């Protein structure tokens, strides 16, 4: 079950939230391969157009 957005809150993820998520993952990663794997698992790896597959 996916929780519904609270009333009055925008649905979607901002570019700033994606950036902060990437930074948090990078800081917590053991090395570059670990970072790449975690970003990929979380859907934060940019696609061919440079956009993350996270829906905004």
PDB file of N, CA and C in Angstrom:
ATOM      1  N   UNK A   1       0.846  -1.177   0.000  1.00  0.00           N
ATOM      2  CA  UNK A   1       0.000   0.000   0.000  1.00  0.00           C
ATOM      3  C   UNK A   1       0.893   1.242   0.000  1.00  0.00           C
ATOM      4  N   UNK A   2       0.630   2.154  -0.906  1.00  0.00           N
ATOM      5  CA  UNK A   2       1.390   3.399  -1.017  1.00  0.00           C
ATOM      6  C   UNK A   2       0.594   4.503  -0.334  1.00  0.00           C
ATOM      7  N   UNK A   3       1.225   5.220   0.601  1.00  0.00           N
ATOM      8  CA  UNK A   3       0.490   6.287   1.280  1.00  0.00           C
ATOM      9  C   UNK A   3       0.150   7.428   0.329  1.00  0.00           C
ATOM     10  N   UNK A   4      -1.009   7.989   0.507  1.00  0.00           N
ATOM     11  CA  UNK A   4      -1.448   9.129  -0.305  1.00  0.00           C
ATOM     12  C   UNK A   4      -0.830  10.408   0.245  1.00  0.00           C
ATOM     13  N   UNK A   5      -0.593  11.401  -0.632  1.00  0.00           N
ATOM     14  CA  UNK A   5      -0.058  12.672  -0.133  1.00  0.00           C
ATOM     15  C   UNK A   5      -1.058  13.337   0.812  1.00  0.00           C
ATOM     16  N   UNK A   6      -0.523  14.029   1.795  1.00  0.00           N
ATOM     17  CA  UNK A   6      -1.394  14.768   2.703  1.00  0.00           C
ATOM     18  C   UNK A   6      -2.042  15.903   1.953  1.00  0.00           C
ATOM     19  N   UNK A   7      -3.235  16.257   2.364  1.00  0.00           N
ATOM     20  CA  UNK A   7      -3.928  17.349   1.681  1.00  0.00           C
ATOM     21  C   UNK A   7      -3.131  18.637   1.824  1.00  0.00           C
ATOM     22  N   UNK A   8      -3.025  19.368   0.741  1.00  0.00           N
ATOM     23  CA  UNK A   8      -2.291  20.618   0.743  1.00  0.00           C
ATOM     24  C   UNK A   8      -0.819  20.473   0.425  1.00  0.00           C
ATOM     25  N   UNK A   9      -0.303  19.251   0.425  1.00  0.00           N
ATOM     26  CA  UNK A   9       1.106  19.033   0.102  1.00  0.00           C
ATOM     27  C   UNK A   9       1.246  18.720  -1.377  1.00  0.00           C
ATOM     28  N   UNK A  10       2.259  19.277  -2.005  1.00  0.00           N
ATOM     29  CA  UNK A  10       2.463  18.950  -3.419  1.00  0.00           C
ATOM     30  C   UNK A  10       2.898  17.496  -3.564  1.00  0.00           C
ATOM     31  N   UNK A  11       2.403  16.847  -4.596  1.00  0.00           N
ATOM     32  CA  UNK A  11       2.840  15.474  -4.842  1.00  0.00           C
ATOM     33  C   UNK A  11       3.989  15.522  -5.833  1.00  0.00           C
ATOM     34  N   UNK A  12       5.028  14.816  -5.561  1.00  0.00           N
ATOM     35  CA  UNK A  12       6.177  14.806  -6.443  1.00  0.00           C
ATOM     36  C   UNK A  12       7.447  15.122  -5.683  1.00  0.00           C
ATOM     37  N   UNK A  13       8.526  14.978  -6.377  1.00  0.00           N
ATOM     38  CA  UNK A  13       9.830  15.168  -5.777  1.00  0.00           C
ATOM     39  C   UNK A  13      10.518  16.310  -6.497  1.00  0.00           C
ATOM     40  N   UNK A  14      11.053  17.231  -5.742  1.00  0.00           N
ATOM     41  CA  UNK A  14      11.713  18.392  -6.343  1.00  0.00           C
ATOM     42  C   UNK A  14      13.136  18.034  -6.748  1.00  0.00           C
ATOM     43  N   UNK A  15      13.719  18.846  -7.608  1.00  0.00           N
ATOM     44  CA  UNK A  15      15.117  18.664  -8.002  1.00  0.00           C
ATOM     45  C   UNK A  15      16.033  18.766  -6.785  1.00  0.00           C
ATOM     46  N   UNK A  16      15.697  19.643  -5.859  1.00  0.00           N
ATOM     47  CA  UNK A  16      16.495  19.807  -4.641  1.00  0.00           C
ATOM     48  C   UNK A  16      16.472  18.538  -3.797  1.00  0.00           C
ATOM     49  N   UNK A  17      15.327  17.873  -3.703  1.00  0.00           N
ATOM     50  CA  UNK A  17      15.234  16.634  -2.939  1.00  0.00           C
ATOM     51  C   UNK A  17      16.075  15.531  -3.584  1.00  0.00           C
ATOM     52  N   UNK A  18      16.053  15.462  -4.905  1.00  0.00           N
ATOM     53  CA  UNK A  18      16.868  14.471  -5.611  1.00  0.00           C
ATOM     54  C   UNK A  18      18.344  14.754  -5.356  1.00  0.00           C
ATOM     55  N   UNK A  19      18.742  16.011  -5.428  1.00  0.00           N
ATOM     56  CA  UNK A  19      20.130  16.390  -5.177  1.00  0.00           C
ATOM     57  C   UNK A  19      20.550  16.012  -3.757  1.00  0.00           C
ATOM     58  N   UNK A  20      19.737  16.329  -2.782  1.00  0.00           N
ATOM     59  CA  UNK A  20      20.064  16.025  -1.383  1.00  0.00           C
ATOM     60  C   UNK A  20      20.147  14.516  -1.158  1.00  0.00           C
ATOM     61  N   UNK A  21      19.279  13.764  -1.812  1.00  0.00           N
ATOM     62  CA  UNK A  21      19.325  12.302  -1.690  1.00  0.00           C
ATOM     63  C   UNK A  21      20.628  11.763  -2.260  1.00  0.00           C
ATOM     64  N   UNK A  22      21.043  12.277  -3.415  1.00  0.00           N
ATOM     65  CA  UNK A  22      22.301  11.839  -4.024  1.00  0.00           C
ATOM     66  C   UNK A  22      23.485  12.164  -3.115  1.00  0.00           C
ATOM     67  N   UNK A  23      23.491  13.346  -2.524  1.00  0.00           N
ATOM     68  CA  UNK A  23      24.585  13.744  -1.640  1.00  0.00           C
ATOM     69  C   UNK A  23      24.608  12.838  -0.401  1.00  0.00           C
ATOM     70  N   UNK A  24      23.449  12.553   0.167  1.00  0.00           N
ATOM     71  CA  UNK A  24      23.389  11.693   1.350  1.00  0.00           C
ATOM     72  C   UNK A  24      23.915  10.298   1.032  1.00  0.00           C
ATOM     73  N   UNK A  25      23.549   9.762  -0.123  1.00  0.00           N
ATOM     74  CA  UNK A  25      24.035   8.446  -0.526  1.00  0.00           C
ATOM     75  C   UNK A  25      25.546   8.485  -0.728  1.00  0.00           C
ATOM     76  N   UNK A  26      26.039   9.511  -1.394  1.00  0.00           N
ATOM     77  CA  UNK A  26      27.474   9.614  -1.648  1.00  0.00           C
ATOM     78  C   UNK A  26      28.265   9.694  -0.344  1.00  0.00           C
ATOM     79  N   UNK A  27      27.773  10.432   0.610  1.00  0.00           N
ATOM     80  CA  UNK A  27      28.473  10.571   1.898  1.00  0.00           C
ATOM     81  C   UNK A  27      28.484   9.269   2.682  1.00  0.00           C
ATOM     82  N   UNK A  28      27.471   8.443   2.498  1.00  0.00           N
ATOM     83  CA  UNK A  28      27.355   7.196   3.255  1.00  0.00           C
ATOM     84  C   UNK A  28      28.002   6.008   2.560  1.00  0.00           C
ATOM     85  N   UNK A  29      28.421   6.185   1.332  1.00  0.00           N
ATOM     86  CA  UNK A  29      28.974   5.083   0.549  1.00  0.00           C
ATOM     87  C   UNK A  29      30.413   4.778   0.958  1.00  0.00           C
ATOM     88  N   UNK A  30      30.765   3.500   0.824  1.00  0.00           N
ATOM     89  CA  UNK A  30      32.126   3.073   1.141  1.00  0.00           C
ATOM     90  C   UNK A  30      33.113   3.455   0.040  1.00  0.00           C
ATOM     91  N   UNK A  31      32.652   3.402  -1.224  1.00  0.00           N
ATOM     92  CA  UNK A  31      33.506   3.736  -2.361  1.00  0.00           C
ATOM     93  C   UNK A  31      32.611   4.074  -3.554  1.00  0.00           C
ATOM     94  N   UNK A  32      33.225   4.349  -4.698  1.00  0.00           N
ATOM     95  CA  UNK A  32      32.465   4.772  -5.881  1.00  0.00           C
ATOM     96  C   UNK A  32      31.498   3.689  -6.360  1.00  0.00           C
ATOM     97  N   UNK A  33      31.923   2.431  -6.334  1.00  0.00           N
ATOM     98  CA  UNK A  33      31.046   1.342  -6.779  1.00  0.00           C
ATOM     99  C   UNK A  33      29.855   1.193  -5.844  1.00  0.00           C
ATOM    100  N   UNK A  34      30.076   1.301  -4.554  1.00  0.00           N
ATOM    101  CA  UNK A  34      28.994   1.245  -3.580  1.00  0.00           C
ATOM    102  C   UNK A  34      28.006   2.383  -3.826  1.00  0.00           C
ATOM    103  N   UNK A  35      28.534   3.580  -4.091  1.00  0.00           N
ATOM    104  CA  UNK A  35      27.692   4.746  -4.367  1.00  0.00           C
ATOM    105  C   UNK A  35      26.845   4.519  -5.614  1.00  0.00           C
ATOM    106  N   UNK A  36      27.469   4.044  -6.687  1.00  0.00           N
ATOM    107  CA  UNK A  36      26.745   3.804  -7.932  1.00  0.00           C
ATOM    108  C   UNK A  36      25.642   2.779  -7.731  1.00  0.00           C
ATOM    109  N   UNK A  37      25.938   1.695  -7.013  1.00  0.00           N
ATOM    110  CA  UNK A  37      24.961   0.649  -6.766  1.00  0.00           C
ATOM    111  C   UNK A  37      23.776   1.175  -5.956  1.00  0.00           C
ATOM    112  N   UNK A  38      24.069   1.925  -4.899  1.00  0.00           N
ATOM    113  CA  UNK A  38      23.003   2.475  -4.066  1.00  0.00           C
ATOM    114  C   UNK A  38      22.146   3.478  -4.836  1.00  0.00           C
ATOM    115  N   UNK A  39      22.787   4.362  -5.596  1.00  0.00           N
ATOM    116  CA  UNK A  39      22.024   5.332  -6.392  1.00  0.00           C
ATOM    117  C   UNK A  39      21.124   4.622  -7.393  1.00  0.00           C
ATOM    118  N   UNK A  40      21.636   3.567  -8.012  1.00  0.00           N
ATOM    119  CA  UNK A  40      20.851   2.797  -8.972  1.00  0.00           C
ATOM    120  C   UNK A  40      19.669   2.119  -8.281  1.00  0.00           C
ATOM    121  N   UNK A  41      19.907   1.520  -7.129  1.00  0.00           N
ATOM    122  CA  UNK A  41      18.840   0.833  -6.394  1.00  0.00           C
ATOM    123  C   UNK A  41      17.741   1.802  -5.968  1.00  0.00           C
ATOM    124  N   UNK A  42      18.122   3.032  -5.680  1.00  0.00           N
ATOM    125  CA  UNK A  42      17.150   4.037  -5.238  1.00  0.00           C
ATOM    126  C   UNK A  42      16.514   4.806  -6.393  1.00  0.00           C
ATOM    127  N   UNK A  43      16.927   4.496  -7.612  1.00  0.00           N
ATOM    128  CA  UNK A  43      16.362   5.189  -8.767  1.00  0.00           C
ATOM    129  C   UNK A  43      16.880   6.604  -8.921  1.00  0.00           C
ATOM    130  N   UNK A  44      18.102   6.842  -8.490  1.00  0.00           N
ATOM    131  CA  UNK A  44      18.662   8.188  -8.537  1.00  0.00           C
ATOM    132  C   UNK A  44      19.775   8.339  -9.555  1.00  0.00           C
ATOM    133  N   UNK A  45      19.999   7.324 -10.391  1.00  0.00           N
ATOM    134  CA  UNK A  45      21.000   7.392 -11.447  1.00  0.00           C
ATOM    135  C   UNK A  45      20.362   8.094 -12.639  1.00  0.00           C
ATOM    136  N   UNK A  46      20.984   9.134 -13.156  1.00  0.00           N
ATOM    137  CA  UNK A  46      20.402   9.837 -14.312  1.00  0.00           C
ATOM    138  C   UNK A  46      20.272   8.898 -15.521  1.00  0.00           C
ATOM    139  N   UNK A  47      19.213   9.121 -16.299  1.00  0.00           N
ATOM    140  CA  UNK A  47      19.029   8.335 -17.518  1.00  0.00           C
ATOM    141  C   UNK A  47      19.848   8.945 -18.654  1.00  0.00           C
ATOM    142  N   UNK A  48      19.621   8.514 -19.867  1.00  0.00           N
ATOM    143  CA  UNK A  48      20.396   8.988 -21.020  1.00  0.00           C
ATOM    144  C   UNK A  48      20.246  10.498 -21.247  1.00  0.00           C
ATOM    145  N   UNK A  49      19.103  11.068 -20.830  1.00  0.00           N
ATOM    146  CA  UNK A  49      18.863  12.498 -20.984  1.00  0.00           C
ATOM    147  C   UNK A  49      19.371  13.308 -19.801  1.00  0.00           C
ATOM    148  N   UNK A  50      19.967  12.626 -18.812  1.00  0.00           N
ATOM    149  CA  UNK A  50      20.460  13.315 -17.624  1.00  0.00           C
ATOM    150  C   UNK A  50      19.426  13.498 -16.546  1.00  0.00           C
ATOM    151  N   UNK A  51      18.241  12.926 -16.741  1.00  0.00           N
ATOM    152  CA  UNK A  51      17.164  13.061 -15.761  1.00  0.00           C
ATOM    153  C   UNK A  51      17.081  11.799 -14.912  1.00  0.00           C
ATOM    154  N   UNK A  52      16.804  11.948 -13.604  1.00  0.00           N
ATOM    155  CA  UNK A  52      16.643  10.760 -12.777  1.00  0.00           C
ATOM    156  C   UNK A  52      15.321  10.065 -13.103  1.00  0.00           C
ATOM    157  N   UNK A  53      15.268   8.736 -12.962  1.00  0.00           N
ATOM    158  CA  UNK A  53      14.018   8.035 -13.226  1.00  0.00           C
ATOM    159  C   UNK A  53      12.975   8.227 -12.132  1.00  0.00           C
ATOM    160  N   UNK A  54      13.269   9.072 -11.160  1.00  0.00           N
ATOM    161  CA  UNK A  54      12.315   9.378 -10.112  1.00  0.00           C
ATOM    162  C   UNK A  54      11.254  10.294 -10.693  1.00  0.00           C
ATOM    163  N   UNK A  55       9.976   9.982 -10.449  1.00  0.00           N
ATOM    164  CA  UNK A  55       8.903  10.832 -10.975  1.00  0.00           C
ATOM    165  C   UNK A  55       8.787  12.082 -10.134  1.00  0.00           C
ATOM    166  N   UNK A  56       8.598  13.188 -10.822  1.00  0.00           N
ATOM    167  CA  UNK A  56       8.481  14.466 -10.123  1.00  0.00           C
ATOM    168  C   UNK A  56       7.088  14.982 -10.185  1.00  0.00           C
TER     169      UNK A  56
END
